[in-house]
């Protein structure tokens, strides 16, 4: 038999080296053994106790007032108050005579025929002035500008524009800086209307006025004080001036001037003189005096330029009369210049109409001043004064001749600055007491 094949024995598997001994992980540290309770901390030292503050004083108890007395049911009978003496008047009326202490100048002779006027009320005494003796009440507004004053300023605008052009043309010859200085100075010069030193210069050298003497002031001051007292106006605001004239007249000018003629002061009784001064005060309180002077001042350069132009034209016409053709040419050229200027600058036409409009506004201002005097209680005395003035005018016309007795022309009526006598008379008669 065949023997089985003997296979060699398999060799033993190789012996692999054992794994290296890795270091063992460190054992976790044992947590420390904490105290079961936190250790006791030392206590903070106690703060000292607050000092005892004094207790607030207890409020005093309200005093026990006695019970009110029992008044009798019926009021007691008091004796009548004593009669106190009356207070002395603030402005005791001086005992003025009917006629002033001055010797009047030679007055014009009385008219042969009395002027046509309403007979005065004989029950009213126009030669004695009743002075106020009560309390003085001052007006809230001492002065203002009524419609007539504003109208004068508006009507002077064309003249102002012409004057501004004239001043600008004349100042144009100066350096530019001086040109504007001259214009600003001319525009600011209107404030001199209210400048007292300038007013005194204006009154003395342009209006030919003078300061009153002490005797004249003793006569005028009480009358003027009575007028301003009735109006509630501070009388010391205005200055009284005297004009050495034989006319029956007075006027208001600038911002503080009240002028009266020597003849009016010496011939008019106190009441009539007070009426005249009240009329002038009405011009001041209404703004007529300062507005008229302000408009006139700003129109002076234009007036001077117009007068110079008229004289140059007059001499040119005289020179051209020697040559007929030359004269005709000058007239045609002048007419063309005037027409072209009127068409181009149509507002200049207002300059031609301004005198008539200003005269109409001036007549309205006179009526307003009469109204102011009548409101102060001088209606009757104003009628007396106007009657005297009207009589003197008629007498002067008779002395001139019959030609002067003719009716004035329409142009003279339109250019008159004062209304006619009968217009002023009718307005004042409305303030007289009605007679049955």
Protein backbone atom coordinates (compact mmCIF):
# COMPACT_ATOMS: atom_id res chain seq x y z
CA UNK A 1 0.00 0.00 0.00
CA UNK A 2 1.12 3.16 -0.72
CA UNK A 3 1.94 5.22 2.26
CA UNK A 4 0.34 8.58 2.51
CA UNK A 5 2.48 11.33 1.63
CA UNK A 6 3.97 12.95 4.61
CA UNK A 7 3.63 16.52 4.40
CA UNK A 8 6.04 18.61 6.33
CA UNK A 9 4.65 20.07 9.39
CA UNK A 10 3.65 23.52 9.16
CA UNK A 11 5.91 25.83 10.97
CA UNK A 12 4.63 27.60 13.98
CA UNK A 13 3.28 31.09 13.28
CA UNK A 14 5.73 33.79 13.96
CA UNK A 15 5.62 35.29 17.36
CA UNK A 16 4.87 38.92 17.00
CA UNK A 17 6.27 41.24 19.62
CA UNK A 18 3.84 42.29 22.24
CA UNK A 19 2.43 45.76 22.14
CA UNK A 20 4.43 48.29 24.01
CA UNK A 21 3.32 49.24 27.44
CA UNK A 22 1.67 52.61 26.99
CA UNK A 23 1.75 54.88 30.00
CA UNK A 24 -1.37 54.74 32.00
CA UNK A 25 -3.55 57.84 32.07
CA UNK A 26 -3.02 59.84 35.13
CA UNK A 27 -5.60 59.28 37.70
CA UNK A 28 -7.81 62.31 38.17
CA UNK A 29 -6.84 64.31 41.11
CA UNK A 30 -9.00 63.93 44.06
CA UNK A 31 -10.97 67.16 44.59
CA UNK A 32 -9.95 68.94 47.70
CA UNK A 33 -12.10 68.53 50.65
CA UNK A 34 -13.78 71.94 51.16
CA UNK A 35 -15.27 72.94 54.37
CA UNK A 36 -18.90 72.11 54.49
CA UNK A 37 -19.63 75.78 55.33
CA UNK A 38 -17.66 78.90 54.42
CA UNK A 39 -15.42 80.08 57.13
CA UNK A 40 -16.92 82.84 59.21
CA UNK A 41 -15.70 86.30 58.06
CA UNK A 42 -15.06 88.92 60.67
CA UNK A 43 -18.02 91.23 61.07
CA UNK A 44 -17.66 94.95 60.16
CA UNK A 45 -17.41 97.24 63.05
CA UNK A 46 -20.81 98.73 63.80
CA UNK A 47 -21.22 102.44 62.94
CA UNK A 48 -21.79 104.74 65.81
CA UNK A 49 -25.40 105.52 66.44
CA UNK A 50 -26.74 108.85 65.00
CA UNK A 51 -26.57 111.61 67.54
CA UNK A 52 -29.97 112.58 68.86
CA UNK A 53 -31.08 115.73 67.01
CA UNK A 54 -33.18 118.24 68.85
CA UNK A 55 -36.84 117.84 68.22
CA UNK A 56 -38.56 120.61 66.23
CA UNK A 57 -40.35 122.99 68.42
CA UNK A 58 -44.00 122.44 68.49
CA UNK A 59 -45.94 125.30 66.77
CA UNK A 60 -47.58 127.57 69.16
CA UNK A 61 -51.21 127.06 69.45
CA UNK A 62 -53.35 129.71 67.82
CA UNK A 63 -54.37 132.28 70.36
CA UNK A 64 -57.90 132.23 71.42
CA UNK A 65 -59.43 135.42 70.10
CA UNK A 66 -62.38 136.78 71.88
CA UNK A 67 -65.69 136.45 70.19
CA UNK A 68 -66.68 139.44 68.04
CA UNK A 69 -68.80 141.93 69.83
CA UNK A 70 -72.45 141.99 69.20
CA UNK A 71 -73.18 145.06 67.12
CA UNK A 72 -76.53 146.67 67.42
CA UNK A 73 -79.01 145.85 64.72
CA UNK A 74 -79.49 149.49 63.69
CA UNK A 75 -76.33 151.38 62.56
CA UNK A 76 -75.38 154.27 64.80
CA UNK A 77 -76.18 157.75 63.60
CA UNK A 78 -72.88 159.42 62.75
CA UNK A 79 -72.67 163.17 62.70
CA UNK A 80 -72.58 164.90 59.33
CA UNK A 81 -69.07 165.39 57.90
CA UNK A 82 -67.58 168.82 58.47
CA UNK A 83 -67.51 171.35 55.66
CA UNK A 84 -63.97 171.44 54.41
CA UNK A 85 -62.71 174.60 52.72
CA UNK A 86 -62.56 174.45 48.94
CA UNK A 87 -59.15 173.84 47.42
CA UNK A 88 -57.53 176.83 45.87
CA UNK A 89 -57.64 176.82 42.05
CA UNK A 90 -54.55 175.58 40.29
CA UNK A 91 -54.52 178.50 37.91
CA UNK A 92 -56.20 181.46 39.58
CA UNK A 93 -57.42 183.85 36.91
CA UNK A 94 -55.57 187.14 37.04
CA UNK A 95 -57.67 190.24 37.00
CA UNK A 96 -56.97 191.47 33.50
CA UNK A 97 -58.56 194.63 32.24
CA UNK A 98 -60.67 194.51 29.15
CA UNK A 99 -58.00 196.32 27.17
CA UNK A 100 -54.34 195.33 27.19
CA UNK A 101 -51.83 197.60 28.93
CA UNK A 102 -49.98 198.24 25.66
CA UNK A 103 -50.50 201.26 23.52
CA UNK A 104 -51.76 199.95 20.19
CA UNK A 105 -50.33 201.40 17.00
CA UNK A 106 -52.40 203.55 14.74
CA UNK A 107 -55.14 201.22 13.66
CA UNK A 108 -56.92 201.67 10.35
CA UNK A 109 -60.05 203.69 10.58
CA UNK A 110 -63.29 201.84 11.04
CA UNK A 111 -65.22 201.14 7.84
CA UNK A 112 -67.94 203.60 7.02
CA UNK A 113 -70.36 200.78 6.32
CA UNK A 114 -70.21 197.72 8.60
CA UNK A 115 -69.34 194.51 6.78
CA UNK A 116 -72.16 192.13 5.99
CA UNK A 117 -72.02 189.82 8.96
CA UNK A 118 -74.41 188.17 11.36
CA UNK A 119 -74.95 190.30 14.47
CA UNK A 120 -73.10 188.88 17.48
CA UNK A 121 -74.98 187.38 20.36
CA UNK A 122 -75.05 190.10 23.00
CA UNK A 123 -75.67 187.53 25.73
CA UNK A 124 -72.14 186.22 25.28
CA UNK A 125 -69.23 188.32 26.52
CA UNK A 126 -66.40 188.07 24.03
CA UNK A 127 -64.02 190.47 25.78
CA UNK A 128 -63.67 188.50 29.03
CA UNK A 129 -61.92 185.15 29.31
CA UNK A 130 -63.19 182.64 31.86
CA UNK A 131 -60.15 180.85 33.25
CA UNK A 132 -60.31 177.17 34.20
CA UNK A 133 -60.07 176.41 37.91
CA UNK A 134 -60.48 172.64 38.02
CA UNK A 135 -58.16 169.74 37.49
CA UNK A 136 -56.11 169.67 34.30
CA UNK A 137 -56.58 166.59 32.11
CA UNK A 138 -53.74 166.03 29.66
CA UNK A 139 -54.53 164.49 26.29
CA UNK A 140 -53.04 161.10 25.47
CA UNK A 141 -51.89 162.29 22.03
CA UNK A 142 -50.34 165.76 22.10
CA UNK A 143 -50.00 166.10 18.33
CA UNK A 144 -50.61 164.11 15.19
CA UNK A 145 -51.16 164.36 11.45
CA UNK A 146 -54.69 164.61 10.11
CA UNK A 147 -55.80 164.10 6.52
CA UNK A 148 -54.86 167.60 5.43
CA UNK A 149 -51.29 167.20 6.71
CA UNK A 150 -50.92 163.87 4.95
CA UNK A 151 -52.45 165.39 1.79
CA UNK A 152 -49.83 168.15 1.78
CA UNK A 153 -47.04 165.58 1.98
CA UNK A 154 -48.52 163.51 -0.84
CA UNK A 155 -48.98 166.53 -3.10
CA UNK A 156 -45.36 167.53 -2.52
CA UNK A 157 -44.05 164.22 -3.90
CA UNK A 158 -43.66 165.50 -7.52
CA UNK A 159 -41.77 168.54 -6.24
CA UNK A 160 -39.65 166.25 -4.10
CA UNK A 161 -38.77 164.09 -7.11
CA UNK A 162 -37.79 167.15 -9.16
CA UNK A 163 -35.67 168.45 -6.29
CA UNK A 164 -34.01 165.05 -5.91
CA UNK A 165 -33.10 165.08 -9.59
CA UNK A 166 -31.68 168.59 -9.31
CA UNK A 167 -29.61 167.70 -6.24
CA UNK A 168 -28.34 164.53 -7.90
CA UNK A 169 -27.33 166.38 -11.08
CA UNK A 170 -25.51 169.09 -9.14
CA UNK A 171 -23.82 166.55 -6.87
CA UNK A 172 -22.79 164.52 -9.91
CA UNK A 173 -19.96 166.96 -10.56
CA UNK A 174 -18.38 165.83 -7.30
CA UNK A 175 -16.59 162.51 -6.74
CA UNK A 176 -18.84 159.48 -6.38
CA UNK A 177 -18.37 159.22 -2.65
CA UNK A 178 -19.25 162.89 -2.10
CA UNK A 179 -22.26 162.57 -4.38
CA UNK A 180 -23.90 160.04 -2.07
CA UNK A 181 -22.86 162.04 1.00
CA UNK A 182 -24.63 165.12 -0.38
CA UNK A 183 -27.77 163.14 -1.22
CA UNK A 184 -27.96 161.53 2.22
CA UNK A 185 -27.32 164.85 3.96
CA UNK A 186 -30.08 166.54 1.94
CA UNK A 187 -32.56 163.75 2.70
CA UNK A 188 -31.75 163.86 6.42
CA UNK A 189 -32.01 167.64 6.60
CA UNK A 190 -35.80 167.43 6.94
CA UNK A 191 -35.38 166.51 10.60
CA UNK A 192 -34.31 170.11 11.24
CA UNK A 193 -38.00 171.05 11.17
CA UNK A 194 -38.21 169.80 14.78
CA UNK A 195 -34.76 171.03 15.86
CA UNK A 196 -35.23 173.85 18.38
CA UNK A 197 -32.04 175.86 17.55
CA UNK A 198 -32.85 175.65 13.84
CA UNK A 199 -36.41 176.75 14.52
CA UNK A 200 -35.17 179.79 16.46
CA UNK A 201 -32.87 180.73 13.58
CA UNK A 202 -35.77 180.26 11.17
CA UNK A 203 -38.11 182.38 13.29
CA UNK A 204 -35.63 185.20 13.88
CA UNK A 205 -34.00 185.62 10.48
CA UNK A 206 -36.57 184.28 8.01
CA UNK A 207 -39.90 185.11 9.66
CA UNK A 208 -38.65 188.34 11.28
CA UNK A 209 -39.93 187.36 14.72
CA UNK A 210 -38.54 188.31 18.10
CA UNK A 211 -38.71 187.09 21.68
CA UNK A 212 -41.47 188.64 23.79
CA UNK A 213 -40.49 191.04 26.53
CA UNK A 214 -41.25 190.22 30.15
CA UNK A 215 -44.29 192.50 30.11
CA UNK A 216 -45.57 190.84 26.94
CA UNK A 217 -45.03 187.39 28.43
CA UNK A 218 -46.94 188.40 31.56
CA UNK A 219 -49.83 189.26 29.28
CA UNK A 220 -49.61 186.26 26.92
CA UNK A 221 -48.69 183.38 29.25
CA UNK A 222 -51.96 183.18 31.25
CA UNK A 223 -54.00 183.34 28.04
CA UNK A 224 -51.88 180.71 26.35
CA UNK A 225 -52.02 178.53 29.48
CA UNK A 226 -55.80 178.70 29.45
CA UNK A 227 -55.95 177.64 25.80
CA UNK A 228 -53.61 174.68 26.32
CA UNK A 229 -55.41 173.70 29.52
CA UNK A 230 -58.71 173.40 27.70
CA UNK A 231 -57.04 171.35 24.97
CA UNK A 232 -55.11 169.14 27.41
CA UNK A 233 -51.80 170.14 25.77
CA UNK A 234 -48.48 170.86 27.47
CA UNK A 235 -48.11 174.58 26.81
CA UNK A 236 -44.34 174.66 27.38
CA UNK A 237 -43.90 172.50 24.27
CA UNK A 238 -44.41 175.57 22.08
CA UNK A 239 -42.61 178.92 21.95
CA UNK A 240 -44.44 182.24 21.73
CA UNK A 241 -42.96 184.81 19.36
CA UNK A 242 -43.90 188.39 18.45
CA UNK A 243 -43.98 190.00 15.03
CA UNK A 244 -43.78 193.80 14.98
CA UNK A 245 -46.59 194.25 12.50
CA UNK A 246 -49.74 196.36 12.30
CA UNK A 247 -51.76 193.45 10.84
CA UNK A 248 -54.36 191.45 12.69
CA UNK A 249 -52.73 188.08 12.27
CA UNK A 250 -51.09 185.07 13.92
CA UNK A 251 -49.57 181.90 12.55
CA UNK A 252 -48.00 178.56 13.44
CA UNK A 253 -44.70 177.51 11.91
CA UNK A 254 -42.23 174.65 12.05
CA UNK A 255 -42.70 172.27 14.94
CA UNK A 256 -42.96 174.59 17.97
CA UNK A 257 -43.45 178.21 16.84
CA UNK A 258 -46.60 180.19 17.64
CA UNK A 259 -46.32 183.75 16.36
CA UNK A 260 -48.68 186.65 16.98
CA UNK A 261 -48.47 190.21 15.72
CA UNK A 262 -47.98 193.10 18.13
CA UNK A 263 -51.15 194.68 16.82
CA UNK A 264 -53.21 191.58 17.63
CA UNK A 265 -51.72 191.31 21.10
CA UNK A 266 -52.41 194.95 21.98
CA UNK A 267 -55.86 195.44 20.44
CA UNK A 268 -57.71 192.15 20.90
CA UNK A 269 -59.45 191.47 24.23
CA UNK A 270 -58.19 188.44 26.17
CA UNK A 271 -60.98 186.17 24.96
CA UNK A 272 -60.48 187.03 21.30
CA UNK A 273 -56.71 186.68 21.61
CA UNK A 274 -57.28 183.26 23.20
CA UNK A 275 -59.44 182.28 20.22
CA UNK A 276 -56.68 183.29 17.80
CA UNK A 277 -54.11 181.27 19.76
CA UNK A 278 -56.47 178.28 19.88
CA UNK A 279 -56.72 178.45 16.08
CA UNK A 280 -52.92 178.31 15.79
CA UNK A 281 -52.77 175.47 18.32
CA UNK A 282 -55.14 173.55 16.03
CA UNK A 283 -52.60 173.88 13.22
CA UNK A 284 -49.91 172.37 15.45
CA UNK A 285 -51.96 169.50 16.85
CA UNK A 286 -53.20 168.63 13.36
CA UNK A 287 -49.68 168.56 11.91
CA UNK A 288 -50.36 171.38 9.43
CA UNK A 289 -47.36 173.48 10.46
CA UNK A 290 -44.59 170.88 10.26
CA UNK A 291 -45.97 169.10 7.18
CA UNK A 292 -46.24 172.35 5.23
CA UNK A 293 -42.72 173.43 6.15
CA UNK A 294 -41.30 169.96 5.46
CA UNK A 295 -42.88 169.86 2.00
CA UNK A 296 -41.67 173.37 1.25
CA UNK A 297 -38.12 172.52 2.32
CA UNK A 298 -37.85 169.47 0.05
CA UNK A 299 -39.27 171.41 -2.91
CA UNK A 300 -36.77 174.30 -2.70
CA UNK A 301 -34.11 172.85 -5.05
CA UNK A 302 -36.74 172.26 -7.71
CA UNK A 303 -38.13 175.77 -7.21
CA UNK A 304 -34.70 177.33 -7.60
CA UNK A 305 -34.07 175.31 -10.76
CA UNK A 306 -37.46 176.36 -12.16
CA UNK A 307 -36.77 180.03 -11.46
CA UNK A 308 -33.36 179.75 -13.12
CA UNK A 309 -34.91 178.07 -16.16
CA UNK A 310 -37.53 180.80 -16.44
CA UNK A 311 -34.91 183.53 -16.34
CA UNK A 312 -32.76 181.82 -18.96
CA UNK A 313 -35.80 181.40 -21.19
CA UNK A 314 -36.78 185.03 -20.66
CA UNK A 315 -33.35 186.33 -21.68
CA UNK A 316 -33.29 183.95 -24.66
CA UNK A 317 -36.63 185.31 -25.85
CA UNK A 318 -35.42 188.91 -25.42
CA UNK A 319 -32.32 188.11 -27.42
CA UNK A 320 -34.29 186.35 -30.11
CA UNK A 321 -36.72 189.24 -30.56
CA UNK A 322 -34.07 191.10 -32.52
CA UNK A 323 -34.27 188.43 -35.20
CA UNK A 324 -37.73 187.29 -36.19
CA UNK A 325 -36.64 183.93 -37.56
CA UNK A 326 -34.44 183.23 -34.56
CA UNK A 327 -37.25 184.16 -32.15
CA UNK A 328 -39.72 181.90 -33.89
CA UNK A 329 -37.19 179.05 -33.82
CA UNK A 330 -36.59 179.52 -30.08
CA UNK A 331 -40.34 179.47 -29.36
CA UNK A 332 -40.84 176.34 -31.47
CA UNK A 333 -37.91 174.55 -29.82
CA UNK A 334 -39.09 175.52 -26.31
CA UNK A 335 -42.64 174.34 -27.08
CA UNK A 336 -41.31 171.05 -28.43
CA UNK A 337 -39.19 170.50 -25.32
CA UNK A 338 -42.14 171.19 -23.03
CA UNK A 339 -44.50 168.91 -24.99
CA UNK A 340 -41.99 166.06 -25.19
CA UNK A 341 -41.20 166.34 -21.49
CA UNK A 342 -44.94 166.30 -20.65
CA UNK A 343 -45.51 163.23 -22.83
CA UNK A 344 -42.43 161.37 -21.62
CA UNK A 345 -42.66 162.28 -17.94
CA UNK A 346 -46.39 162.69 -17.44
CA UNK A 347 -46.08 162.90 -13.61
CA UNK A 348 -44.48 166.31 -14.18
CA UNK A 349 -47.95 167.59 -15.06
CA UNK A 350 -48.78 167.23 -11.37
CA UNK A 351 -46.20 169.93 -10.69
CA UNK A 352 -48.34 172.36 -12.69
CA UNK A 353 -51.49 171.32 -10.84
CA UNK A 354 -49.83 171.15 -7.41
CA UNK A 355 -50.34 174.86 -6.51
CA UNK A 356 -54.10 174.58 -6.99
CA UNK A 357 -54.33 171.31 -5.06
CA UNK A 358 -52.12 172.62 -2.26
CA UNK A 359 -54.27 175.75 -1.99
CA UNK A 360 -57.40 173.58 -1.66
CA UNK A 361 -55.76 171.49 1.07
CA UNK A 362 -54.62 174.70 2.81
CA UNK A 363 -58.19 176.01 2.89
CA UNK A 364 -59.30 172.73 4.42
CA UNK A 365 -56.57 173.04 7.06
CA UNK A 366 -57.84 176.51 8.03
CA UNK A 367 -61.36 175.15 8.50
CA UNK A 368 -60.00 172.35 10.68
CA UNK A 369 -58.11 174.85 12.82
CA UNK A 370 -61.32 176.89 13.22
CA UNK A 371 -63.09 173.70 14.24
CA UNK A 372 -60.44 173.05 16.91
CA UNK A 373 -60.90 176.55 18.35
CA UNK A 374 -64.69 176.10 18.35
CA UNK A 375 -64.40 172.79 20.20
CA UNK A 376 -62.46 174.58 22.93
CA UNK A 377 -65.30 177.07 23.39
CA UNK A 378 -64.07 179.95 21.22
CA UNK A 379 -66.66 179.86 18.43
CA UNK A 380 -68.23 183.21 19.31
CA UNK A 381 -64.92 185.02 19.77
CA UNK A 382 -63.61 183.59 16.49
CA UNK A 383 -66.65 185.07 14.76
CA UNK A 384 -65.79 188.42 16.30
CA UNK A 385 -62.17 188.19 15.14
CA UNK A 386 -63.13 187.14 11.61
CA UNK A 387 -65.61 190.02 11.47
CA UNK A 388 -62.86 192.47 12.38
CA UNK A 389 -60.50 191.00 9.82
CA UNK A 390 -63.17 191.09 7.13
CA UNK A 391 -63.96 194.71 7.96
CA UNK A 392 -60.30 195.70 7.69
CA UNK A 393 -60.02 194.01 4.31
CA UNK A 394 -63.07 195.87 2.99
CA UNK A 395 -61.74 199.17 4.30
CA UNK A 396 -58.37 198.56 2.65
CA UNK A 397 -60.12 197.85 -0.64
CA UNK A 398 -62.14 201.05 -0.36
CA UNK A 399 -58.99 203.07 0.22
CA UNK A 400 -57.31 201.56 -2.84
CA UNK A 401 -60.18 202.44 -5.12
CA UNK A 402 -63.20 201.16 -6.91
CA UNK A 403 -61.23 198.72 -9.06
CA UNK A 404 -60.23 196.74 -6.02
CA UNK A 405 -63.90 196.22 -5.15
CA UNK A 406 -64.34 193.96 -8.16
CA UNK A 407 -64.85 190.27 -7.58
CA UNK A 408 -61.60 188.26 -7.57
CA UNK A 409 -60.92 186.08 -10.56
CA UNK A 410 -61.41 182.34 -10.60
CA UNK A 411 -57.66 181.71 -10.62
CA UNK A 412 -57.14 183.88 -7.53
CA UNK A 413 -59.94 182.05 -5.74
CA UNK A 414 -58.43 178.67 -6.58
CA UNK A 415 -54.98 179.80 -5.43
CA UNK A 416 -56.20 181.33 -2.17
CA UNK A 417 -54.80 179.57 0.92
CA UNK A 418 -57.68 180.71 3.18
CA UNK A 419 -61.40 180.10 2.70
CA UNK A 420 -63.69 183.08 2.33
CA UNK A 421 -65.21 184.78 5.33
CA UNK A 422 -68.74 183.42 4.90
CA UNK A 423 -67.55 179.80 4.62
CA UNK A 424 -65.69 180.05 7.92
CA UNK A 425 -68.60 181.92 9.50
CA UNK A 426 -71.14 179.21 8.63
CA UNK A 427 -68.96 176.52 10.19
CA UNK A 428 -68.50 178.46 13.43
CA UNK A 429 -72.20 179.35 13.74
CA UNK A 430 -72.99 175.65 14.12
CA UNK A 431 -71.36 175.80 17.59
CA UNK A 432 -73.42 178.73 18.85
CA UNK A 433 -76.39 178.10 21.13
CA UNK A 434 -79.66 177.84 19.28
CA UNK A 435 -81.94 180.85 19.77
CA UNK A 436 -85.70 180.49 19.57
